[in-house]
C-alpha atoms as a PDB file:
ATOM      1  CA  MET A   1      10.739 152.456 258.265  1.00  0.00           C
ATOM      2  CA  THR A   2      11.762 149.783 260.760  1.00  0.00           C
ATOM      3  CA  HIS A   3       8.445 150.212 262.509  1.00  0.00           C
ATOM      4  CA  ASP A   4       6.565 149.064 259.358  1.00  0.00           C
ATOM      5  CA  THR A   5       8.623 145.898 258.951  1.00  0.00           C
ATOM      6  CA  GLN A   6       8.060 145.013 262.612  1.00  0.00           C
ATOM      7  CA  ASP A   7       4.318 145.434 262.169  1.00  0.00           C
ATOM      8  CA  ASP A   8       4.354 143.163 259.116  1.00  0.00           C
ATOM      9  CA  GLY A   9       6.156 140.461 261.052  1.00  0.00           C
ATOM     10  CA  ALA A  10       3.816 140.687 264.011  1.00  0.00           C
ATOM     11  CA  SER A  11       0.675 140.638 261.879  1.00  0.00           C
ATOM     12  CA  GLY A  12       2.142 137.771 259.836  1.00  0.00           C
ATOM     13  CA  SER A  13       2.714 135.697 262.942  1.00  0.00           C
ATOM     14  CA  ARG A  14      -0.801 136.525 264.152  1.00  0.00           C
ATOM     15  CA  ALA A  15      -2.227 135.422 260.822  1.00  0.00           C
ATOM     16  CA  ALA A  16      -0.198 132.210 260.974  1.00  0.00           C
ATOM     17  CA  ALA A  17      -1.407 131.544 264.517  1.00  0.00           C
ATOM     18  CA  ARG A  18      -5.015 132.232 263.461  1.00  0.00           C
ATOM     19  CA  GLU A  19      -4.651 129.819 260.556  1.00  0.00           C
ATOM     20  CA  GLN A  20      -3.154 127.158 262.815  1.00  0.00           C
ATOM     21  CA  GLU A  21      -6.056 127.512 265.271  1.00  0.00           C
ATOM     22  CA  ARG A  22      -8.533 127.208 262.388  1.00  0.00           C
ATOM     23  CA  TRP A  23      -6.741 124.052 261.220  1.00  0.00           C
ATOM     24  CA  LYS A  24      -6.908 122.594 264.727  1.00  0.00           C
ATOM     25  CA  ALA A  25     -10.620 123.391 265.025  1.00  0.00           C
ATOM     26  CA  LYS A  26     -11.284 121.637 261.726  1.00  0.00           C
ATOM     27  CA  GLY A  27      -9.338 118.624 262.942  1.00  0.00           C
ATOM     28  CA  VAL A  28     -11.325 118.442 266.160  1.00  0.00           C
ATOM     29  CA  ALA A  29     -14.624 118.745 264.297  1.00  0.00           C
ATOM     30  CA  LEU A  30     -13.609 116.050 261.789  1.00  0.00           C
ATOM     31  CA  ARG A  31     -12.470 113.704 264.543  1.00  0.00           C
ATOM     32  CA  ALA A  32     -15.721 114.270 266.499  1.00  0.00           C
ATOM     33  CA  PHE A  33     -17.741 113.517 263.351  1.00  0.00           C
ATOM     34  CA  PHE A  34     -15.919 110.227 262.769  1.00  0.00           C
ATOM     35  CA  TYR A  35     -16.251 109.201 266.416  1.00  0.00           C
ATOM     36  CA  ILE A  36     -19.967 109.946 266.429  1.00  0.00           C
ATOM     37  CA  ALA A  37     -20.576 108.275 263.061  1.00  0.00           C
ATOM     38  CA  GLY A  38     -18.513 105.235 264.079  1.00  0.00           C
ATOM     39  CA  THR A  39     -20.457 104.904 267.323  1.00  0.00           C
ATOM     40  CA  HIS A  40     -23.740 104.997 265.456  1.00  0.00           C
ATOM     41  CA  VAL A  41     -22.559 102.356 262.959  1.00  0.00           C
ATOM     42  CA  PHE A  42     -21.440 100.117 265.813  1.00  0.00           C
ATOM     43  CA  ALA A  43     -24.772 100.647 267.652  1.00  0.00           C
ATOM     44  CA  ALA A  44     -26.707  99.805 264.476  1.00  0.00           C
ATOM     45  CA  PHE A  45     -24.665  96.585 264.085  1.00  0.00           C
ATOM     46  CA  VAL A  46     -25.377  95.558 267.681  1.00  0.00           C
ATOM     47  CA  MET A  47     -29.087  96.302 267.195  1.00  0.00           C
ATOM     48  CA  LEU A  48     -29.047  94.203 264.036  1.00  0.00           C
ATOM     49  CA  LEU A  49     -27.521  91.301 265.981  1.00  0.00           C
ATOM     50  CA  PHE A  50     -30.232  91.562 268.631  1.00  0.00           C
ATOM     51  CA  TYR A  51     -32.945  91.686 265.971  1.00  0.00           C
ATOM     52  CA  LEU A  52     -31.557  88.658 264.163  1.00  0.00           C
ATOM     53  CA  GLY A  53     -31.163  86.799 267.443  1.00  0.00           C
ATOM     54  CA  GLN A  54     -34.739  87.559 268.445  1.00  0.00           C
ATOM     55  CA  HIS A  55     -36.128  86.292 265.118  1.00  0.00           C
ATOM     56  CA  ALA A  56     -33.916  83.235 264.800  1.00  0.00           C
ATOM     57  CA  GLN A  57     -35.461  79.791 264.484  1.00  0.00           C
ATOM     58  CA  LYS A  58     -35.158  78.119 267.889  1.00  0.00           C
END
């Protein structure tokens, strides 16, 4: 009987650890997405500035 309760606790902690790792992986993926998207938005803004500067009346 005590063996069953110990197994439940161990598998519960494994499940919690697995869920925590999944949560961390989602966080890393989300952060990477925002960094990549932010970099592209910044690059597009800089390219827009160069385009406007090239076509400005001088």
